[in-house]
Amino acid sequence: MEQTYKNCQSCGMPLKKSPNGGGTNADDSISKMYCAYCFENGQFKQPDWTVEQMQELSKGKMKEMGFPGFLAGLFTKGIPKLKRWQTKN
C-alpha cells in the first residue's frame, strides 16, 4: 500500500493545495507523494533539477504569494530532507 504524505516530497507544498490533490502517476491515478506542479504522468516535470534549484523556485513562489523572505527561506530549508532528494548524491 502506498504511503500517504501531507506535503509534496519534491517541493514541500501541502498536497491539499495541489490541483486534484496531487500529481498523476503513469496509470493516471493521483500521486499521494508528489504535487501536480512537480509530477505528471509518472515523471518529474523538472527531472534534472538539483535540490538547490527547487529551493530557489519554491522560495520565489512563496515570495510572490506574499510570504516574507525570511519565512520563505525557513520553509524551504527542509526541502533537502524530502524523499525525492534522499536518493540524489
PDB file of N, CA and C in Angstrom:
ATOM      1  N   MET A   1       0.844  -1.198   0.000  1.00  0.00           N
ATOM      2  CA  MET A   1       0.000   0.000   0.000  1.00  0.00           C
ATOM      3  C   MET A   1       0.884   1.255   0.000  1.00  0.00           C
ATOM      4  N   GLU A   2       0.521   2.206  -0.855  1.00  0.00           N
ATOM      5  CA  GLU A   2       1.306   3.431  -0.986  1.00  0.00           C
ATOM      6  C   GLU A   2       1.116   4.325   0.242  1.00  0.00           C
ATOM      7  N   GLN A   3       2.231   4.832   0.769  1.00  0.00           N
ATOM      8  CA  GLN A   3       2.169   5.734   1.916  1.00  0.00           C
ATOM      9  C   GLN A   3       1.584   7.071   1.475  1.00  0.00           C
ATOM     10  N   THR A   4       0.805   7.694   2.341  1.00  0.00           N
ATOM     11  CA  THR A   4       0.219   8.996   2.056  1.00  0.00           C
ATOM     12  C   THR A   4       1.015  10.060   2.800  1.00  0.00           C
ATOM     13  N   TYR A   5       1.327  11.134   2.116  1.00  0.00           N
ATOM     14  CA  TYR A   5       2.083  12.238   2.691  1.00  0.00           C
ATOM     15  C   TYR A   5       1.214  13.483   2.738  1.00  0.00           C
ATOM     16  N   LYS A   6       1.498  14.378   3.681  1.00  0.00           N
ATOM     17  CA  LYS A   6       0.765  15.646   3.770  1.00  0.00           C
ATOM     18  C   LYS A   6       1.370  16.686   2.822  1.00  0.00           C
ATOM     19  N   ASN A   7       2.672  16.562   2.580  1.00  0.00           N
ATOM     20  CA  ASN A   7       3.374  17.525   1.732  1.00  0.00           C
ATOM     21  C   ASN A   7       4.042  16.820   0.565  1.00  0.00           C
ATOM     22  N   CYS A   8       4.153  17.555  -0.543  1.00  0.00           N
ATOM     23  CA  CYS A   8       4.862  17.041  -1.714  1.00  0.00           C
ATOM     24  C   CYS A   8       6.283  16.683  -1.304  1.00  0.00           C
ATOM     25  N   GLN A   9       6.739  15.516  -1.709  1.00  0.00           N
ATOM     26  CA  GLN A   9       8.070  15.050  -1.348  1.00  0.00           C
ATOM     27  C   GLN A   9       9.129  15.509  -2.350  1.00  0.00           C
ATOM     28  N   SER A  10       8.788  16.537  -3.140  1.00  0.00           N
ATOM     29  CA  SER A  10       9.743  17.163  -4.045  1.00  0.00           C
ATOM     30  C   SER A  10       9.940  18.632  -3.672  1.00  0.00           C
ATOM     31  N   CYS A  11       8.824  19.363  -3.483  1.00  0.00           N
ATOM     32  CA  CYS A  11       8.917  20.804  -3.203  1.00  0.00           C
ATOM     33  C   CYS A  11       8.446  21.198  -1.804  1.00  0.00           C
ATOM     34  N   GLY A  12       7.722  20.317  -1.128  1.00  0.00           N
ATOM     35  CA  GLY A  12       7.267  20.615   0.227  1.00  0.00           C
ATOM     36  C   GLY A  12       5.894  21.256   0.321  1.00  0.00           C
ATOM     37  N   MET A  13       5.273  21.559  -0.800  1.00  0.00           N
ATOM     38  CA  MET A  13       3.949  22.186  -0.779  1.00  0.00           C
ATOM     39  C   MET A  13       2.908  21.226  -0.195  1.00  0.00           C
ATOM     40  N   PRO A  14       1.961  21.739   0.607  1.00  0.00           N
ATOM     41  CA  PRO A  14       0.897  20.856   1.101  1.00  0.00           C
ATOM     42  C   PRO A  14       0.124  20.253  -0.076  1.00  0.00           C
ATOM     43  N   LEU A  15      -0.032  18.936  -0.081  1.00  0.00           N
ATOM     44  CA  LEU A  15      -0.722  18.266  -1.191  1.00  0.00           C
ATOM     45  C   LEU A  15      -2.172  18.710  -1.317  1.00  0.00           C
ATOM     46  N   LYS A  16      -2.790  19.136  -0.216  1.00  0.00           N
ATOM     47  CA  LYS A  16      -4.179  19.593  -0.310  1.00  0.00           C
ATOM     48  C   LYS A  16      -4.289  20.894  -1.105  1.00  0.00           C
ATOM     49  N   LYS A  17      -3.185  21.597  -1.292  1.00  0.00           N
ATOM     50  CA  LYS A  17      -3.173  22.825  -2.097  1.00  0.00           C
ATOM     51  C   LYS A  17      -2.904  22.541  -3.574  1.00  0.00           C
ATOM     52  N   SER A  18      -2.518  21.321  -3.886  1.00  0.00           N
ATOM     53  CA  SER A  18      -2.220  20.940  -5.263  1.00  0.00           C
ATOM     54  C   SER A  18      -3.508  20.690  -6.040  1.00  0.00           C
ATOM     55  N   PRO A  19      -3.552  21.117  -7.317  1.00  0.00           N
ATOM     56  CA  PRO A  19      -4.733  20.796  -8.123  1.00  0.00           C
ATOM     57  C   PRO A  19      -4.970  19.282  -8.106  1.00  0.00           C
ATOM     58  N   ASN A  20      -6.196  18.865  -7.887  1.00  0.00           N
ATOM     59  CA  ASN A  20      -6.596  17.453  -7.819  1.00  0.00           C
ATOM     60  C   ASN A  20      -5.979  16.698  -6.643  1.00  0.00           C
ATOM     61  N   GLY A  21      -5.323  17.388  -5.729  1.00  0.00           N
ATOM     62  CA  GLY A  21      -4.756  16.734  -4.553  1.00  0.00           C
ATOM     63  C   GLY A  21      -3.428  16.051  -4.778  1.00  0.00           C
ATOM     64  N   GLY A  22      -2.838  16.213  -5.956  1.00  0.00           N
ATOM     65  CA  GLY A  22      -1.527  15.613  -6.228  1.00  0.00           C
ATOM     66  C   GLY A  22      -1.266  15.517  -7.710  1.00  0.00           C
ATOM     67  N   GLY A  23      -0.050  15.153  -8.045  1.00  0.00           N
ATOM     68  CA  GLY A  23       0.321  14.932  -9.441  1.00  0.00           C
ATOM     69  C   GLY A  23      -0.291  13.626  -9.927  1.00  0.00           C
ATOM     70  N   THR A  24       0.049  13.234 -11.151  1.00  0.00           N
ATOM     71  CA  THR A  24      -0.511  11.995 -11.696  1.00  0.00           C
ATOM     72  C   THR A  24       0.585  10.953 -11.913  1.00  0.00           C
ATOM     73  N   ASN A  25       0.230   9.728 -11.575  1.00  0.00           N
ATOM     74  CA  ASN A  25       1.115   8.589 -11.821  1.00  0.00           C
ATOM     75  C   ASN A  25       0.981   8.168 -13.277  1.00  0.00           C
ATOM     76  N   ALA A  26       1.818   7.244 -13.721  1.00  0.00           N
ATOM     77  CA  ALA A  26       1.798   6.760 -15.107  1.00  0.00           C
ATOM     78  C   ALA A  26       0.439   6.150 -15.474  1.00  0.00           C
ATOM     79  N   ASP A  27      -0.271   5.583 -14.486  1.00  0.00           N
ATOM     80  CA  ASP A  27      -1.586   4.976 -14.748  1.00  0.00           C
ATOM     81  C   ASP A  27      -2.746   5.962 -14.575  1.00  0.00           C
ATOM     82  N   ASP A  28      -2.444   7.261 -14.504  1.00  0.00           N
ATOM     83  CA  ASP A  28      -3.419   8.349 -14.336  1.00  0.00           C
ATOM     84  C   ASP A  28      -4.016   8.447 -12.939  1.00  0.00           C
ATOM     85  N   SER A  29      -3.560   7.610 -11.999  1.00  0.00           N
ATOM     86  CA  SER A  29      -4.032   7.747 -10.624  1.00  0.00           C
ATOM     87  C   SER A  29      -3.332   8.959  -9.996  1.00  0.00           C
ATOM     88  N   ILE A  30      -3.903   9.466  -8.911  1.00  0.00           N
ATOM     89  CA  ILE A  30      -3.337  10.627  -8.228  1.00  0.00           C
ATOM     90  C   ILE A  30      -2.177  10.180  -7.338  1.00  0.00           C
ATOM     91  N   SER A  31      -1.065  10.873  -7.467  1.00  0.00           N
ATOM     92  CA  SER A  31       0.104  10.576  -6.634  1.00  0.00           C
ATOM     93  C   SER A  31      -0.167  11.034  -5.209  1.00  0.00           C
ATOM     94  N   LYS A  32       0.136  10.200  -4.252  1.00  0.00           N
ATOM     95  CA  LYS A  32      -0.003  10.557  -2.843  1.00  0.00           C
ATOM     96  C   LYS A  32       1.334  11.031  -2.279  1.00  0.00           C
ATOM     97  N   MET A  33       2.288  11.250  -3.189  1.00  0.00           N
ATOM     98  CA  MET A  33       3.631  11.633  -2.775  1.00  0.00           C
ATOM     99  C   MET A  33       4.083  12.979  -3.356  1.00  0.00           C
ATOM    100  N   TYR A  34       3.629  13.299  -4.572  1.00  0.00           N
ATOM    101  CA  TYR A  34       4.096  14.500  -5.264  1.00  0.00           C
ATOM    102  C   TYR A  34       2.935  15.360  -5.757  1.00  0.00           C
ATOM    103  N   CYS A  35       3.152  16.681  -5.797  1.00  0.00           N
ATOM    104  CA  CYS A  35       2.113  17.614  -6.242  1.00  0.00           C
ATOM    105  C   CYS A  35       2.052  17.694  -7.773  1.00  0.00           C
ATOM    106  N   ALA A  36       1.009  18.336  -8.260  1.00  0.00           N
ATOM    107  CA  ALA A  36       0.790  18.482  -9.697  1.00  0.00           C
ATOM    108  C   ALA A  36       1.828  19.404 -10.350  1.00  0.00           C
ATOM    109  N   TYR A  37       2.473  20.251  -9.561  1.00  0.00           N
ATOM    110  CA  TYR A  37       3.480  21.158 -10.118  1.00  0.00           C
ATOM    111  C   TYR A  37       4.826  20.462 -10.322  1.00  0.00           C
ATOM    112  N   CYS A  38       5.038  19.356  -9.625  1.00  0.00           N
ATOM    113  CA  CYS A  38       6.308  18.627  -9.707  1.00  0.00           C
ATOM    114  C   CYS A  38       6.219  17.334 -10.506  1.00  0.00           C
ATOM    115  N   PHE A  39       5.040  16.714 -10.564  1.00  0.00           N
ATOM    116  CA  PHE A  39       4.927  15.337 -11.058  1.00  0.00           C
ATOM    117  C   PHE A  39       3.716  15.174 -11.968  1.00  0.00           C
ATOM    118  N   GLU A  40       3.933  14.610 -13.146  1.00  0.00           N
ATOM    119  CA  GLU A  40       2.850  14.416 -14.104  1.00  0.00           C
ATOM    120  C   GLU A  40       3.132  13.175 -14.945  1.00  0.00           C
ATOM    121  N   ASN A  41       2.116  12.345 -15.133  1.00  0.00           N
ATOM    122  CA  ASN A  41       2.249  11.112 -15.933  1.00  0.00           C
ATOM    123  C   ASN A  41       3.390  10.217 -15.458  1.00  0.00           C
ATOM    124  N   GLY A  42       3.596  10.173 -14.130  1.00  0.00           N
ATOM    125  CA  GLY A  42       4.615   9.296 -13.577  1.00  0.00           C
ATOM    126  C   GLY A  42       6.037   9.805 -13.690  1.00  0.00           C
ATOM    127  N   GLN A  43       6.201  11.087 -14.070  1.00  0.00           N
ATOM    128  CA  GLN A  43       7.549  11.652 -14.230  1.00  0.00           C
ATOM    129  C   GLN A  43       7.621  13.038 -13.604  1.00  0.00           C
ATOM    130  N   PHE A  44       8.825  13.392 -13.163  1.00  0.00           N
ATOM    131  CA  PHE A  44       9.027  14.745 -12.646  1.00  0.00           C
ATOM    132  C   PHE A  44       9.015  15.735 -13.794  1.00  0.00           C
ATOM    133  N   LYS A  45       8.421  16.894 -13.579  1.00  0.00           N
ATOM    134  CA  LYS A  45       8.391  17.931 -14.618  1.00  0.00           C
ATOM    135  C   LYS A  45       9.764  18.562 -14.800  1.00  0.00           C
ATOM    136  N   GLN A  46      10.591  18.549 -13.763  1.00  0.00           N
ATOM    137  CA  GLN A  46      11.955  19.073 -13.827  1.00  0.00           C
ATOM    138  C   GLN A  46      12.903  17.945 -13.410  1.00  0.00           C
ATOM    139  N   PRO A  47      13.083  16.939 -14.251  1.00  0.00           N
ATOM    140  CA  PRO A  47      13.851  15.747 -13.853  1.00  0.00           C
ATOM    141  C   PRO A  47      15.329  15.994 -13.554  1.00  0.00           C
ATOM    142  N   ASP A  48      15.914  17.009 -14.138  1.00  0.00           N
ATOM    143  CA  ASP A  48      17.352  17.241 -13.976  1.00  0.00           C
ATOM    144  C   ASP A  48      17.690  18.295 -12.931  1.00  0.00           C
ATOM    145  N   TRP A  49      16.682  18.779 -12.222  1.00  0.00           N
ATOM    146  CA  TRP A  49      16.925  19.838 -11.248  1.00  0.00           C
ATOM    147  C   TRP A  49      17.700  19.336 -10.041  1.00  0.00           C
ATOM    148  N   THR A  50      18.431  20.271  -9.446  1.00  0.00           N
ATOM    149  CA  THR A  50      19.106  19.996  -8.179  1.00  0.00           C
ATOM    150  C   THR A  50      18.186  20.449  -7.047  1.00  0.00           C
ATOM    151  N   VAL A  51      18.497  20.025  -5.854  1.00  0.00           N
ATOM    152  CA  VAL A  51      17.708  20.439  -4.694  1.00  0.00           C
ATOM    153  C   VAL A  51      17.800  21.961  -4.510  1.00  0.00           C
ATOM    154  N   GLU A  52      18.929  22.532  -4.838  1.00  0.00           N
ATOM    155  CA  GLU A  52      19.099  23.985  -4.712  1.00  0.00           C
ATOM    156  C   GLU A  52      18.178  24.739  -5.674  1.00  0.00           C
ATOM    157  N   GLN A  53      18.028  24.213  -6.894  1.00  0.00           N
ATOM    158  CA  GLN A  53      17.122  24.843  -7.858  1.00  0.00           C
ATOM    159  C   GLN A  53      15.677  24.773  -7.354  1.00  0.00           C
ATOM    160  N   MET A  54      15.296  23.641  -6.758  1.00  0.00           N
ATOM    161  CA  MET A  54      13.938  23.508  -6.224  1.00  0.00           C
ATOM    162  C   MET A  54      13.726  24.482  -5.065  1.00  0.00           C
ATOM    163  N   GLN A  55      14.719  24.630  -4.224  1.00  0.00           N
ATOM    164  CA  GLN A  55      14.599  25.564  -3.108  1.00  0.00           C
ATOM    165  C   GLN A  55      14.411  26.991  -3.616  1.00  0.00           C
ATOM    166  N   GLU A  56      15.170  27.382  -4.640  1.00  0.00           N
ATOM    167  CA  GLU A  56      15.062  28.736  -5.184  1.00  0.00           C
ATOM    168  C   GLU A  56      13.688  28.972  -5.811  1.00  0.00           C
ATOM    169  N   LEU A  57      13.193  27.992  -6.573  1.00  0.00           N
ATOM    170  CA  LEU A  57      11.866  28.128  -7.175  1.00  0.00           C
ATOM    171  C   LEU A  57      10.800  28.266  -6.092  1.00  0.00           C
ATOM    172  N   SER A  58      10.844  27.399  -5.111  1.00  0.00           N
ATOM    173  CA  SER A  58       9.843  27.413  -4.035  1.00  0.00           C
ATOM    174  C   SER A  58       9.900  28.720  -3.256  1.00  0.00           C
ATOM    175  N   LYS A  59      11.101  29.183  -2.972  1.00  0.00           N
ATOM    176  CA  LYS A  59      11.277  30.445  -2.244  1.00  0.00           C
ATOM    177  C   LYS A  59      10.677  31.599  -3.042  1.00  0.00           C
ATOM    178  N   GLY A  60      10.953  31.626  -4.353  1.00  0.00           N
ATOM    179  CA  GLY A  60      10.410  32.680  -5.217  1.00  0.00           C
ATOM    180  C   GLY A  60       8.900  32.654  -5.281  1.00  0.00           C
ATOM    181  N   LYS A  61       8.314  31.453  -5.392  1.00  0.00           N
ATOM    182  CA  LYS A  61       6.849  31.331  -5.446  1.00  0.00           C
ATOM    183  C   LYS A  61       6.220  31.802  -4.137  1.00  0.00           C
ATOM    184  N   MET A  62       6.850  31.458  -3.023  1.00  0.00           N
ATOM    185  CA  MET A  62       6.320  31.875  -1.727  1.00  0.00           C
ATOM    186  C   MET A  62       6.368  33.399  -1.584  1.00  0.00           C
ATOM    187  N   LYS A  63       7.442  34.007  -2.063  1.00  0.00           N
ATOM    188  CA  LYS A  63       7.554  35.468  -2.009  1.00  0.00           C
ATOM    189  C   LYS A  63       6.475  36.118  -2.884  1.00  0.00           C
ATOM    190  N   GLU A  64       6.215  35.513  -4.072  1.00  0.00           N
ATOM    191  CA  GLU A  64       5.148  36.015  -4.951  1.00  0.00           C
ATOM    192  C   GLU A  64       3.792  35.968  -4.241  1.00  0.00           C
ATOM    193  N   MET A  65       3.615  34.970  -3.382  1.00  0.00           N
ATOM    194  CA  MET A  65       2.358  34.808  -2.654  1.00  0.00           C
ATOM    195  C   MET A  65       2.280  35.719  -1.430  1.00  0.00           C
ATOM    196  N   GLY A  66       3.344  36.470  -1.169  1.00  0.00           N
ATOM    197  CA  GLY A  66       3.319  37.429  -0.069  1.00  0.00           C
ATOM    198  C   GLY A  66       4.036  36.999   1.199  1.00  0.00           C
ATOM    199  N   PHE A  67       4.698  35.847   1.172  1.00  0.00           N
ATOM    200  CA  PHE A  67       5.470  35.429   2.343  1.00  0.00           C
ATOM    201  C   PHE A  67       6.712  36.309   2.455  1.00  0.00           C
ATOM    202  N   PRO A  68       7.068  36.745   3.664  1.00  0.00           N
ATOM    203  CA  PRO A  68       8.319  37.483   3.833  1.00  0.00           C
ATOM    204  C   PRO A  68       9.504  36.583   3.475  1.00  0.00           C
ATOM    205  N   GLY A  69      10.584  37.183   2.990  1.00  0.00           N
ATOM    206  CA  GLY A  69      11.750  36.422   2.561  1.00  0.00           C
ATOM    207  C   GLY A  69      12.300  35.476   3.611  1.00  0.00           C
ATOM    208  N   PHE A  70      12.349  35.937   4.881  1.00  0.00           N
ATOM    209  CA  PHE A  70      12.915  35.075   5.923  1.00  0.00           C
ATOM    210  C   PHE A  70      12.037  33.848   6.156  1.00  0.00           C
ATOM    211  N   LEU A  71      10.710  34.007   6.050  1.00  0.00           N
ATOM    212  CA  LEU A  71       9.813  32.858   6.222  1.00  0.00           C
ATOM    213  C   LEU A  71       9.934  31.901   5.043  1.00  0.00           C
ATOM    214  N   ALA A  72       9.997  32.431   3.835  1.00  0.00           N
ATOM    215  CA  ALA A  72      10.159  31.592   2.645  1.00  0.00           C
ATOM    216  C   ALA A  72      11.445  30.784   2.766  1.00  0.00           C
ATOM    217  N   GLY A  73      12.511  31.414   3.228  1.00  0.00           N
ATOM    218  CA  GLY A  73      13.776  30.716   3.424  1.00  0.00           C
ATOM    219  C   GLY A  73      13.673  29.629   4.483  1.00  0.00           C
ATOM    220  N   LEU A  74      12.960  29.936   5.557  1.00  0.00           N
ATOM    221  CA  LEU A  74      12.776  28.966   6.642  1.00  0.00           C
ATOM    222  C   LEU A  74      11.979  27.751   6.160  1.00  0.00           C
ATOM    223  N   PHE A  75      10.893  27.997   5.430  1.00  0.00           N
ATOM    224  CA  PHE A  75      10.036  26.909   4.960  1.00  0.00           C
ATOM    225  C   PHE A  75      10.727  26.029   3.910  1.00  0.00           C
ATOM    226  N   THR A  76      11.631  26.608   3.134  1.00  0.00           N
ATOM    227  CA  THR A  76      12.291  25.817   2.081  1.00  0.00           C
ATOM    228  C   THR A  76      13.566  25.131   2.583  1.00  0.00           C
ATOM    229  N   LYS A  77      13.955  25.412   3.795  1.00  0.00           N
ATOM    230  CA  LYS A  77      15.161  24.818   4.375  1.00  0.00           C
ATOM    231  C   LYS A  77      15.073  23.291   4.468  1.00  0.00           C
ATOM    232  N   GLY A  78      13.877  22.758   4.646  1.00  0.00           N
ATOM    233  CA  GLY A  78      13.689  21.320   4.808  1.00  0.00           C
ATOM    234  C   GLY A  78      13.598  20.538   3.507  1.00  0.00           C
ATOM    235  N   ILE A  79      13.589  21.204   2.366  1.00  0.00           N
ATOM    236  CA  ILE A  79      13.449  20.514   1.078  1.00  0.00           C
ATOM    237  C   ILE A  79      14.487  19.402   0.882  1.00  0.00           C
ATOM    238  N   PRO A  80      15.757  19.594   1.252  1.00  0.00           N
ATOM    239  CA  PRO A  80      16.730  18.502   1.049  1.00  0.00           C
ATOM    240  C   PRO A  80      16.390  17.207   1.806  1.00  0.00           C
ATOM    241  N   LYS A  81      15.532  17.292   2.813  1.00  0.00           N
ATOM    242  CA  LYS A  81      15.161  16.111   3.598  1.00  0.00           C
ATOM    243  C   LYS A  81      13.985  15.337   2.998  1.00  0.00           C
ATOM    244  N   LEU A  82      13.371  15.874   1.941  1.00  0.00           N
ATOM    245  CA  LEU A  82      12.224  15.218   1.326  1.00  0.00           C
ATOM    246  C   LEU A  82      12.661  13.986   0.531  1.00  0.00           C
ATOM    247  N   LYS A  83      11.736  13.040   0.344  1.00  0.00           N
ATOM    248  CA  LYS A  83      12.035  11.742  -0.289  1.00  0.00           C
ATOM    249  C   LYS A  83      12.730  11.857  -1.641  1.00  0.00           C
ATOM    250  N   ARG A  84      12.273  12.773  -2.500  1.00  0.00           N
ATOM    251  CA  ARG A  84      12.883  12.890  -3.833  1.00  0.00           C
ATOM    252  C   ARG A  84      14.378  13.122  -3.746  1.00  0.00           C
ATOM    253  N   TRP A  85      14.792  13.919  -2.807  1.00  0.00           N
ATOM    254  CA  TRP A  85      16.187  14.342  -2.737  1.00  0.00           C
ATOM    255  C   TRP A  85      17.047  13.391  -1.912  1.00  0.00           C
ATOM    256  N   GLN A  86      16.439  12.431  -1.254  1.00  0.00           N
ATOM    257  CA  GLN A  86      17.201  11.455  -0.461  1.00  0.00           C
ATOM    258  C   GLN A  86      17.986  10.486  -1.335  1.00  0.00           C
ATOM    259  N   THR A  87      17.524  10.272  -2.571  1.00  0.00           N
ATOM    260  CA  THR A  87      18.194   9.329  -3.459  1.00  0.00           C
ATOM    261  C   THR A  87      19.269  10.002  -4.317  1.00  0.00           C
ATOM    262  N   LYS A  88      19.322  11.336  -4.272  1.00  0.00           N
ATOM    263  CA  LYS A  88      20.316  12.093  -5.048  1.00  0.00           C
ATOM    264  C   LYS A  88      21.604  12.217  -4.242  1.00  0.00           C
ATOM    265  N   ASN A  89      22.716  12.289  -4.942  1.00  0.00           N
ATOM    266  CA  ASN A  89      24.015  12.458  -4.256  1.00  0.00           C
ATOM    267  C   ASN A  89      24.374  13.915  -4.141  1.00  0.00           C
TER     268      ASN A  89
END
